[in-house]
N, C-alpha and C. Protein backbone atom coordinates (compact mmCIF):
# COMPACT_ATOMS: atom_id res chain seq x y z
N UNK A 1 23.02 4.93 -52.67
CA UNK A 1 21.69 5.39 -53.05
C UNK A 1 20.60 4.38 -52.66
N UNK A 2 20.77 3.07 -52.89
CA UNK A 2 19.71 2.14 -52.52
C UNK A 2 19.38 2.18 -51.03
N UNK A 3 20.39 2.39 -50.16
CA UNK A 3 20.12 2.46 -48.73
C UNK A 3 19.22 3.64 -48.40
N UNK A 4 19.50 4.77 -49.02
CA UNK A 4 18.70 5.96 -48.77
C UNK A 4 17.26 5.75 -49.26
N UNK A 5 17.10 5.14 -50.41
CA UNK A 5 15.75 4.88 -50.93
C UNK A 5 15.00 3.93 -50.01
N UNK A 6 15.67 2.92 -49.50
CA UNK A 6 15.02 1.98 -48.57
C UNK A 6 14.58 2.70 -47.30
N UNK A 7 15.40 3.61 -46.81
CA UNK A 7 15.05 4.38 -45.61
C UNK A 7 13.84 5.27 -45.88
N UNK A 8 13.80 5.91 -47.05
CA UNK A 8 12.65 6.75 -47.41
C UNK A 8 11.38 5.93 -47.49
N UNK A 9 11.48 4.74 -48.09
CA UNK A 9 10.31 3.85 -48.19
C UNK A 9 9.81 3.46 -46.80
N UNK A 10 10.75 3.13 -45.92
CA UNK A 10 10.37 2.72 -44.56
C UNK A 10 9.74 3.89 -43.80
N UNK A 11 10.31 5.08 -43.94
CA UNK A 11 9.75 6.26 -43.26
C UNK A 11 8.34 6.56 -43.77
N UNK A 12 8.17 6.56 -45.09
CA UNK A 12 6.86 6.83 -45.64
C UNK A 12 5.85 5.77 -45.20
N UNK A 13 6.27 4.53 -45.22
CA UNK A 13 5.37 3.43 -44.82
C UNK A 13 4.84 3.67 -43.41
N UNK A 14 5.74 3.98 -42.49
CA UNK A 14 5.36 4.19 -41.10
C UNK A 14 4.45 5.42 -40.97
N UNK A 15 4.85 6.52 -41.61
CA UNK A 15 4.08 7.76 -41.48
C UNK A 15 2.71 7.67 -42.17
N UNK A 16 2.67 7.07 -43.33
CA UNK A 16 1.40 6.96 -44.06
C UNK A 16 0.40 6.10 -43.30
N UNK A 17 0.86 4.97 -42.80
CA UNK A 17 -0.05 4.11 -42.05
C UNK A 17 -0.53 4.80 -40.78
N UNK A 18 0.38 5.47 -40.09
CA UNK A 18 0.01 6.19 -38.88
C UNK A 18 -1.06 7.25 -39.19
N UNK A 19 -0.83 8.06 -40.21
CA UNK A 19 -1.77 9.13 -40.54
C UNK A 19 -3.11 8.59 -41.01
N UNK A 20 -3.06 7.53 -41.80
CA UNK A 20 -4.32 6.96 -42.30
C UNK A 20 -5.17 6.46 -41.13
N UNK A 21 -4.55 5.76 -40.22
CA UNK A 21 -5.28 5.22 -39.07
C UNK A 21 -5.73 6.35 -38.15
N UNK A 22 -4.86 7.34 -37.95
CA UNK A 22 -5.21 8.48 -37.10
C UNK A 22 -6.43 9.23 -37.64
N UNK A 23 -6.54 9.28 -38.97
CA UNK A 23 -7.69 9.94 -39.59
C UNK A 23 -8.86 8.98 -39.82
N UNK A 24 -8.74 7.78 -39.28
CA UNK A 24 -9.81 6.77 -39.35
C UNK A 24 -10.22 6.47 -40.79
N UNK A 25 -9.22 6.28 -41.63
CA UNK A 25 -9.46 5.96 -43.04
C UNK A 25 -9.07 4.52 -43.34
N UNK A 26 -9.83 3.90 -44.19
CA UNK A 26 -9.43 2.61 -44.75
C UNK A 26 -8.57 2.87 -45.97
N UNK A 27 -7.79 1.89 -46.36
CA UNK A 27 -6.95 2.05 -47.55
C UNK A 27 -7.80 2.41 -48.76
N UNK A 28 -8.98 1.80 -48.87
CA UNK A 28 -9.87 2.08 -50.02
C UNK A 28 -10.26 3.55 -50.10
N UNK A 29 -10.64 4.14 -48.95
CA UNK A 29 -11.09 5.53 -48.99
C UNK A 29 -9.94 6.49 -49.29
N UNK A 30 -8.76 6.22 -48.73
CA UNK A 30 -7.62 7.07 -49.04
C UNK A 30 -7.25 6.95 -50.51
N UNK A 31 -7.26 5.74 -51.01
CA UNK A 31 -6.93 5.50 -52.43
C UNK A 31 -7.90 6.24 -53.34
N UNK A 32 -9.17 6.18 -53.01
CA UNK A 32 -10.19 6.85 -53.83
C UNK A 32 -9.94 8.36 -53.84
N UNK A 33 -9.65 8.92 -52.69
CA UNK A 33 -9.39 10.37 -52.61
C UNK A 33 -8.16 10.76 -53.45
N UNK A 34 -7.14 9.89 -53.45
CA UNK A 34 -5.91 10.20 -54.17
C UNK A 34 -5.96 9.79 -55.64
N UNK A 35 -7.01 9.07 -56.02
CA UNK A 35 -7.15 8.64 -57.41
C UNK A 35 -6.21 7.50 -57.79
N UNK A 36 -5.92 6.64 -56.82
CA UNK A 36 -5.04 5.49 -57.06
C UNK A 36 -5.73 4.23 -56.55
N UNK A 37 -5.12 3.09 -56.78
CA UNK A 37 -5.73 1.84 -56.34
C UNK A 37 -5.41 1.56 -54.87
N UNK A 38 -6.30 0.85 -54.20
CA UNK A 38 -6.02 0.44 -52.81
C UNK A 38 -4.74 -0.40 -52.71
N UNK A 39 -4.46 -1.16 -53.75
CA UNK A 39 -3.24 -1.98 -53.75
C UNK A 39 -2.00 -1.07 -53.68
N UNK A 40 -2.07 0.08 -54.34
CA UNK A 40 -0.94 1.03 -54.28
C UNK A 40 -0.71 1.50 -52.85
N UNK A 41 -1.79 1.83 -52.15
CA UNK A 41 -1.66 2.24 -50.75
C UNK A 41 -1.01 1.12 -49.95
N UNK A 42 -1.42 -0.09 -50.19
CA UNK A 42 -0.84 -1.24 -49.51
C UNK A 42 0.66 -1.35 -49.78
N UNK A 43 1.06 -1.16 -51.03
CA UNK A 43 2.48 -1.21 -51.39
C UNK A 43 3.26 -0.11 -50.67
N UNK A 44 2.70 1.09 -50.61
CA UNK A 44 3.39 2.20 -49.96
C UNK A 44 3.50 1.97 -48.45
N UNK A 45 2.43 1.43 -47.85
CA UNK A 45 2.45 1.19 -46.41
C UNK A 45 3.34 0.00 -46.03
N UNK A 46 3.59 -0.87 -46.96
CA UNK A 46 4.48 -2.00 -46.66
C UNK A 46 5.94 -1.66 -46.95
N UNK A 47 6.17 -0.49 -47.55
CA UNK A 47 7.53 -0.08 -47.87
C UNK A 47 8.07 -0.72 -49.13
N UNK A 48 7.18 -1.27 -49.95
CA UNK A 48 7.61 -1.93 -51.19
C UNK A 48 7.99 -0.93 -52.28
N UNK A 49 7.27 0.19 -52.33
CA UNK A 49 7.49 1.18 -53.38
C UNK A 49 7.34 2.58 -52.81
N UNK A 50 7.98 3.54 -53.47
CA UNK A 50 7.70 4.95 -53.22
C UNK A 50 6.71 5.40 -54.28
N UNK A 51 5.74 6.22 -53.90
CA UNK A 51 4.78 6.69 -54.90
C UNK A 51 5.41 7.69 -55.86
N UNK A 52 4.81 7.86 -57.04
CA UNK A 52 5.26 8.92 -57.94
C UNK A 52 5.09 10.28 -57.26
N UNK A 53 5.87 11.24 -57.70
CA UNK A 53 5.87 12.57 -57.08
C UNK A 53 4.47 13.19 -56.98
N UNK A 54 3.63 13.15 -58.03
CA UNK A 54 2.29 13.76 -57.88
C UNK A 54 1.45 13.10 -56.77
N UNK A 55 1.58 11.80 -56.61
CA UNK A 55 0.84 11.10 -55.55
C UNK A 55 1.39 11.47 -54.19
N UNK A 56 2.70 11.53 -54.08
CA UNK A 56 3.33 11.92 -52.83
C UNK A 56 2.92 13.33 -52.42
N UNK A 57 2.86 14.23 -53.39
CA UNK A 57 2.40 15.60 -53.13
C UNK A 57 0.94 15.63 -52.68
N UNK A 58 0.12 14.82 -53.32
CA UNK A 58 -1.31 14.74 -52.95
C UNK A 58 -1.47 14.20 -51.54
N UNK A 59 -0.66 13.20 -51.18
CA UNK A 59 -0.71 12.64 -49.81
C UNK A 59 -0.35 13.72 -48.79
N UNK A 60 0.74 14.40 -49.06
CA UNK A 60 1.20 15.44 -48.15
C UNK A 60 0.13 16.51 -47.97
N UNK A 61 -0.44 16.96 -49.06
CA UNK A 61 -1.48 17.98 -49.01
C UNK A 61 -2.70 17.48 -48.24
N UNK A 62 -3.12 16.27 -48.50
CA UNK A 62 -4.30 15.70 -47.85
C UNK A 62 -4.14 15.69 -46.33
N UNK A 63 -2.96 15.30 -45.86
CA UNK A 63 -2.74 15.18 -44.42
C UNK A 63 -2.20 16.45 -43.78
N UNK A 64 -1.88 17.47 -44.60
CA UNK A 64 -1.41 18.73 -44.04
C UNK A 64 0.06 18.75 -43.67
N UNK A 65 0.84 17.96 -44.36
CA UNK A 65 2.29 17.91 -44.15
C UNK A 65 3.00 18.23 -45.46
N UNK A 66 4.30 18.46 -45.37
CA UNK A 66 5.10 18.61 -46.58
C UNK A 66 5.59 17.23 -47.00
N UNK A 67 6.05 17.12 -48.22
CA UNK A 67 6.63 15.86 -48.70
C UNK A 67 7.84 15.50 -47.84
N UNK A 68 8.67 16.48 -47.53
CA UNK A 68 9.84 16.21 -46.69
C UNK A 68 9.43 15.63 -45.33
N UNK A 69 8.37 16.16 -44.76
CA UNK A 69 7.90 15.65 -43.47
C UNK A 69 7.39 14.22 -43.60
N UNK A 70 6.65 13.92 -44.67
CA UNK A 70 6.16 12.55 -44.86
C UNK A 70 7.29 11.55 -45.00
N UNK A 71 8.40 11.99 -45.57
CA UNK A 71 9.54 11.10 -45.79
C UNK A 71 10.54 11.11 -44.64
N UNK A 72 10.26 11.91 -43.62
CA UNK A 72 11.20 12.02 -42.50
C UNK A 72 11.05 10.86 -41.53
N UNK A 73 12.10 10.68 -40.74
CA UNK A 73 12.10 9.59 -39.77
C UNK A 73 11.11 9.86 -38.64
N UNK A 74 10.97 11.12 -38.29
CA UNK A 74 10.03 11.51 -37.24
C UNK A 74 9.04 12.52 -37.82
N UNK A 75 7.80 12.14 -37.81
CA UNK A 75 6.74 12.99 -38.35
C UNK A 75 6.43 14.09 -37.34
N UNK A 76 6.58 15.36 -37.73
CA UNK A 76 6.27 16.45 -36.79
C UNK A 76 4.80 16.43 -36.40
N UNK A 77 4.54 16.75 -35.16
CA UNK A 77 3.15 16.88 -34.69
C UNK A 77 2.55 18.11 -35.38
N UNK A 78 1.25 18.10 -35.56
CA UNK A 78 0.62 19.23 -36.23
C UNK A 78 0.62 20.48 -35.36
N UNK A 79 0.64 20.31 -34.05
CA UNK A 79 0.67 21.45 -33.14
C UNK A 79 1.79 21.22 -32.12
N UNK A 80 2.42 22.30 -31.70
CA UNK A 80 3.47 22.20 -30.69
C UNK A 80 4.78 21.71 -31.27
N UNK A 81 5.76 21.50 -30.40
CA UNK A 81 7.08 21.14 -30.86
C UNK A 81 7.40 19.66 -30.75
N UNK A 82 6.45 18.84 -30.32
CA UNK A 82 6.76 17.43 -30.17
C UNK A 82 6.75 16.73 -31.52
N UNK A 83 7.35 15.56 -31.55
CA UNK A 83 7.37 14.78 -32.78
C UNK A 83 6.66 13.45 -32.53
N UNK A 84 6.21 12.86 -33.62
CA UNK A 84 5.50 11.59 -33.56
C UNK A 84 6.41 10.53 -34.14
N UNK A 85 6.59 9.45 -33.41
CA UNK A 85 7.44 8.38 -33.93
C UNK A 85 6.61 7.14 -34.15
C-alpha cells in the first residue's frame, strides 16, 4: 500500500504543477480558488501529501479532469487522443 500511495503522490505532483503552470496560475491564486493555503499546494506539488478528497475533487473540477485522471501516470489531453507526460 505505501508504494501505491507514493506513486499517487508523485503522479498528482507532476500533473498539478503542469496544469497550474499551463493555466498561468501562481500557487497563491490556485490555493485561493480552492479555499486552501498556498503551503498546501506546495506540499501537493512536491509529492509530500495527498489532498483530502474534497480538495482533490475541487482540483479535478477546476481543471476539467476527473480525480482518476489527476492521479494517473499520464494526464489525458483535453482534446484528441494524445496524452501529456
